[in-house]
């Protein structure tokens, strides 16, 4: 389930980033999403 999300985020990051600053924001959003998903999984355990 996480793998398709990561692939989708990578595609968005590659197509949407025009500058290094934009790339940084996209990578940060991807990291936030991964963190949120990990926290949700931990709560379910």
PDB file of N, CA and C in Angstrom:
ATOM      1  N   UNK A   1       0.825  -1.193   0.000  1.00  0.00           N
ATOM      2  CA  UNK A   1       0.000   0.000   0.000  1.00  0.00           C
ATOM      3  C   UNK A   1       0.866   1.252   0.000  1.00  0.00           C
ATOM      4  N   UNK A   2       1.959   1.234   0.711  1.00  0.00           N
ATOM      5  CA  UNK A   2       2.821   2.410   0.791  1.00  0.00           C
ATOM      6  C   UNK A   2       3.577   2.608  -0.521  1.00  0.00           C
ATOM      7  N   UNK A   3       3.934   1.512  -1.172  1.00  0.00           N
ATOM      8  CA  UNK A   3       4.717   1.618  -2.399  1.00  0.00           C
ATOM      9  C   UNK A   3       4.000   2.430  -3.480  1.00  0.00           C
ATOM     10  N   UNK A   4       2.716   2.178  -3.772  1.00  0.00           N
ATOM     11  CA  UNK A   4       2.036   3.006  -4.789  1.00  0.00           C
ATOM     12  C   UNK A   4       1.973   4.481  -4.397  1.00  0.00           C
ATOM     13  N   UNK A   5       1.840   4.732  -3.112  1.00  0.00           N
ATOM     14  CA  UNK A   5       1.818   6.125  -2.643  1.00  0.00           C
ATOM     15  C   UNK A   5       3.160   6.790  -2.923  1.00  0.00           C
ATOM     16  N   UNK A   6       4.246   6.087  -2.608  1.00  0.00           N
ATOM     17  CA  UNK A   6       5.578   6.640  -2.839  1.00  0.00           C
ATOM     18  C   UNK A   6       5.842   6.866  -4.322  1.00  0.00           C
ATOM     19  N   UNK A   7       5.411   5.933  -5.153  1.00  0.00           N
ATOM     20  CA  UNK A   7       5.587   6.088  -6.593  1.00  0.00           C
ATOM     21  C   UNK A   7       4.798   7.296  -7.097  1.00  0.00           C
ATOM     22  N   UNK A   8       3.567   7.432  -6.629  1.00  0.00           N
ATOM     23  CA  UNK A   8       2.751   8.580  -7.021  1.00  0.00           C
ATOM     24  C   UNK A   8       3.372   9.893  -6.583  1.00  0.00           C
ATOM     25  N   UNK A   9       3.872   9.929  -5.363  1.00  0.00           N
ATOM     26  CA  UNK A   9       4.515  11.147  -4.863  1.00  0.00           C
ATOM     27  C   UNK A   9       5.783  11.465  -5.661  1.00  0.00           C
ATOM     28  N   UNK A  10       6.518  10.440  -6.025  1.00  0.00           N
ATOM     29  CA  UNK A  10       7.730  10.661  -6.817  1.00  0.00           C
ATOM     30  C   UNK A  10       7.387  11.233  -8.182  1.00  0.00           C
ATOM     31  N   UNK A  11       6.339  10.720  -8.798  1.00  0.00           N
ATOM     32  CA  UNK A  11       5.921  11.244 -10.101  1.00  0.00           C
ATOM     33  C   UNK A  11       5.471  12.693 -10.001  1.00  0.00           C
ATOM     34  N   UNK A  12       4.721  13.000  -8.970  1.00  0.00           N
ATOM     35  CA  UNK A  12       4.280  14.381  -8.763  1.00  0.00           C
ATOM     36  C   UNK A  12       5.478  15.283  -8.541  1.00  0.00           C
ATOM     37  N   UNK A  13       6.418  14.838  -7.740  1.00  0.00           N
ATOM     38  CA  UNK A  13       7.602  15.647  -7.454  1.00  0.00           C
ATOM     39  C   UNK A  13       8.413  15.897  -8.723  1.00  0.00           C
ATOM     40  N   UNK A  14       8.534  14.881  -9.545  1.00  0.00           N
ATOM     41  CA  UNK A  14       9.333  15.037 -10.764  1.00  0.00           C
ATOM     42  C   UNK A  14       8.664  15.957 -11.778  1.00  0.00           C
ATOM     43  N   UNK A  15       7.357  15.920 -11.859  1.00  0.00           N
ATOM     44  CA  UNK A  15       6.673  16.732 -12.857  1.00  0.00           C
ATOM     45  C   UNK A  15       6.354  18.132 -12.368  1.00  0.00           C
ATOM     46  N   UNK A  16       6.210  18.311 -11.072  1.00  0.00           N
ATOM     47  CA  UNK A  16       5.771  19.599 -10.547  1.00  0.00           C
ATOM     48  C   UNK A  16       6.915  20.521 -10.137  1.00  0.00           C
ATOM     49  N   UNK A  17       8.092  19.998  -9.989  1.00  0.00           N
ATOM     50  CA  UNK A  17       9.205  20.809  -9.471  1.00  0.00           C
ATOM     51  C   UNK A  17       9.890  21.578 -10.594  1.00  0.00           C
ATOM     52  N   UNK A  18       9.920  22.880 -10.455  1.00  0.00           N
ATOM     53  CA  UNK A  18      10.623  23.699 -11.432  1.00  0.00           C
ATOM     54  C   UNK A  18      11.901  24.290 -10.852  1.00  0.00           C
ATOM     55  N   UNK A  19      11.986  24.352  -9.554  1.00  0.00           N
ATOM     56  CA  UNK A  19      13.182  24.897  -8.913  1.00  0.00           C
ATOM     57  C   UNK A  19      13.604  23.998  -7.764  1.00  0.00           C
ATOM     58  N   UNK A  20      14.782  24.229  -7.272  1.00  0.00           N
ATOM     59  CA  UNK A  20      15.267  23.451  -6.123  1.00  0.00           C
ATOM     60  C   UNK A  20      14.389  23.690  -4.904  1.00  0.00           C
ATOM     61  N   UNK A  21      13.902  24.910  -4.760  1.00  0.00           N
ATOM     62  CA  UNK A  21      13.027  25.220  -3.627  1.00  0.00           C
ATOM     63  C   UNK A  21      11.726  24.429  -3.744  1.00  0.00           C
ATOM     64  N   UNK A  22      11.186  24.363  -4.938  1.00  0.00           N
ATOM     65  CA  UNK A  22       9.967  23.576  -5.161  1.00  0.00           C
ATOM     66  C   UNK A  22      10.194  22.102  -4.894  1.00  0.00           C
ATOM     67  N   UNK A  23      11.365  21.613  -5.288  1.00  0.00           N
ATOM     68  CA  UNK A  23      11.692  20.209  -5.038  1.00  0.00           C
ATOM     69  C   UNK A  23      11.761  19.945  -3.541  1.00  0.00           C
ATOM     70  N   UNK A  24      12.350  20.878  -2.808  1.00  0.00           N
ATOM     71  CA  UNK A  24      12.436  20.725  -1.354  1.00  0.00           C
ATOM     72  C   UNK A  24      11.071  20.653  -0.704  1.00  0.00           C
ATOM     73  N   UNK A  25      10.154  21.491  -1.165  1.00  0.00           N
ATOM     74  CA  UNK A  25       8.787  21.467  -0.603  1.00  0.00           C
ATOM     75  C   UNK A  25       8.104  20.152  -0.926  1.00  0.00           C
ATOM     76  N   UNK A  26       8.269  19.664  -2.164  1.00  0.00           N
ATOM     77  CA  UNK A  26       7.643  18.400  -2.544  1.00  0.00           C
ATOM     78  C   UNK A  26       8.208  17.240  -1.740  1.00  0.00           C
ATOM     79  N   UNK A  27       9.514  17.234  -1.535  1.00  0.00           N
ATOM     80  CA  UNK A  27      10.137  16.160  -0.754  1.00  0.00           C
ATOM     81  C   UNK A  27       9.675  16.229   0.698  1.00  0.00           C
ATOM     82  N   UNK A  28       9.533  17.431   1.218  1.00  0.00           N
ATOM     83  CA  UNK A  28       9.065  17.583   2.593  1.00  0.00           C
ATOM     84  C   UNK A  28       7.629  17.069   2.734  1.00  0.00           C
ATOM     85  N   UNK A  29       6.783  17.360   1.763  1.00  0.00           N
ATOM     86  CA  UNK A  29       5.404  16.868   1.799  1.00  0.00           C
ATOM     87  C   UNK A  29       5.375  15.350   1.738  1.00  0.00           C
ATOM     88  N   UNK A  30       6.250  14.767   0.909  1.00  0.00           N
ATOM     89  CA  UNK A  30       6.314  13.307   0.826  1.00  0.00           C
ATOM     90  C   UNK A  30       6.744  12.724   2.167  1.00  0.00           C
ATOM     91  N   UNK A  31       7.724  13.347   2.800  1.00  0.00           N
ATOM     92  CA  UNK A  31       8.173  12.890   4.117  1.00  0.00           C
ATOM     93  C   UNK A  31       7.079  13.007   5.159  1.00  0.00           C
ATOM     94  N   UNK A  32       6.315  14.094   5.102  1.00  0.00           N
ATOM     95  CA  UNK A  32       5.203  14.268   6.037  1.00  0.00           C
ATOM     96  C   UNK A  32       4.158  13.179   5.843  1.00  0.00           C
ATOM     97  N   UNK A  33       3.874  12.839   4.585  1.00  0.00           N
ATOM     98  CA  UNK A  33       2.894  11.798   4.291  1.00  0.00           C
ATOM     99  C   UNK A  33       3.375  10.445   4.812  1.00  0.00           C
ATOM    100  N   UNK A  34       4.641  10.163   4.610  1.00  0.00           N
ATOM    101  CA  UNK A  34       5.205   8.900   5.099  1.00  0.00           C
ATOM    102  C   UNK A  34       5.140   8.849   6.620  1.00  0.00           C
ATOM    103  N   UNK A  35       5.468   9.959   7.268  1.00  0.00           N
ATOM    104  CA  UNK A  35       5.411  10.020   8.731  1.00  0.00           C
ATOM    105  C   UNK A  35       3.988   9.798   9.223  1.00  0.00           C
ATOM    106  N   UNK A  36       3.029  10.458   8.599  1.00  0.00           N
ATOM    107  CA  UNK A  36       1.632  10.300   8.995  1.00  0.00           C
ATOM    108  C   UNK A  36       1.171   8.850   8.831  1.00  0.00           C
ATOM    109  N   UNK A  37       1.549   8.235   7.725  1.00  0.00           N
ATOM    110  CA  UNK A  37       1.174   6.843   7.479  1.00  0.00           C
ATOM    111  C   UNK A  37       1.792   5.926   8.528  1.00  0.00           C
ATOM    112  N   UNK A  38       3.051   6.160   8.847  1.00  0.00           N
ATOM    113  CA  UNK A  38       3.723   5.333   9.861  1.00  0.00           C
ATOM    114  C   UNK A  38       3.055   5.490  11.221  1.00  0.00           C
ATOM    115  N   UNK A  39       2.676   6.705  11.562  1.00  0.00           N
ATOM    116  CA  UNK A  39       2.012   6.939  12.851  1.00  0.00           C
ATOM    117  C   UNK A  39       0.651   6.248  12.878  1.00  0.00           C
ATOM    118  N   UNK A  40      -0.078   6.273  11.775  1.00  0.00           N
ATOM    119  CA  UNK A  40      -1.373   5.589  11.711  1.00  0.00           C
ATOM    120  C   UNK A  40      -1.199   4.088  11.903  1.00  0.00           C
ATOM    121  N   UNK A  41      -0.182   3.523  11.280  1.00  0.00           N
ATOM    122  CA  UNK A  41       0.079   2.084  11.410  1.00  0.00           C
ATOM    123  C   UNK A  41       0.427   1.746  12.850  1.00  0.00           C
ATOM    124  N   UNK A  42       1.244   2.572  13.494  1.00  0.00           N
ATOM    125  CA  UNK A  42       1.629   2.319  14.877  1.00  0.00           C
ATOM    126  C   UNK A  42       0.424   2.380  15.810  1.00  0.00           C
ATOM    127  N   UNK A  43      -0.500   3.292  15.548  1.00  0.00           N
ATOM    128  CA  UNK A  43      -1.692   3.403  16.392  1.00  0.00           C
ATOM    129  C   UNK A  43      -2.573   2.172  16.273  1.00  0.00           C
ATOM    130  N   UNK A  44      -2.581   1.558  15.076  1.00  0.00           N
ATOM    131  CA  UNK A  44      -3.419   0.379  14.865  1.00  0.00           C
ATOM    132  C   UNK A  44      -2.830  -0.873  15.513  1.00  0.00           C
ATOM    133  N   UNK A  45      -1.532  -0.839  15.815  1.00  0.00           N
ATOM    134  CA  UNK A  45      -0.892  -2.033  16.398  1.00  0.00           C
ATOM    135  C   UNK A  45      -1.212  -2.151  17.842  1.00  0.00           C
TER     136      UNK A  45
END
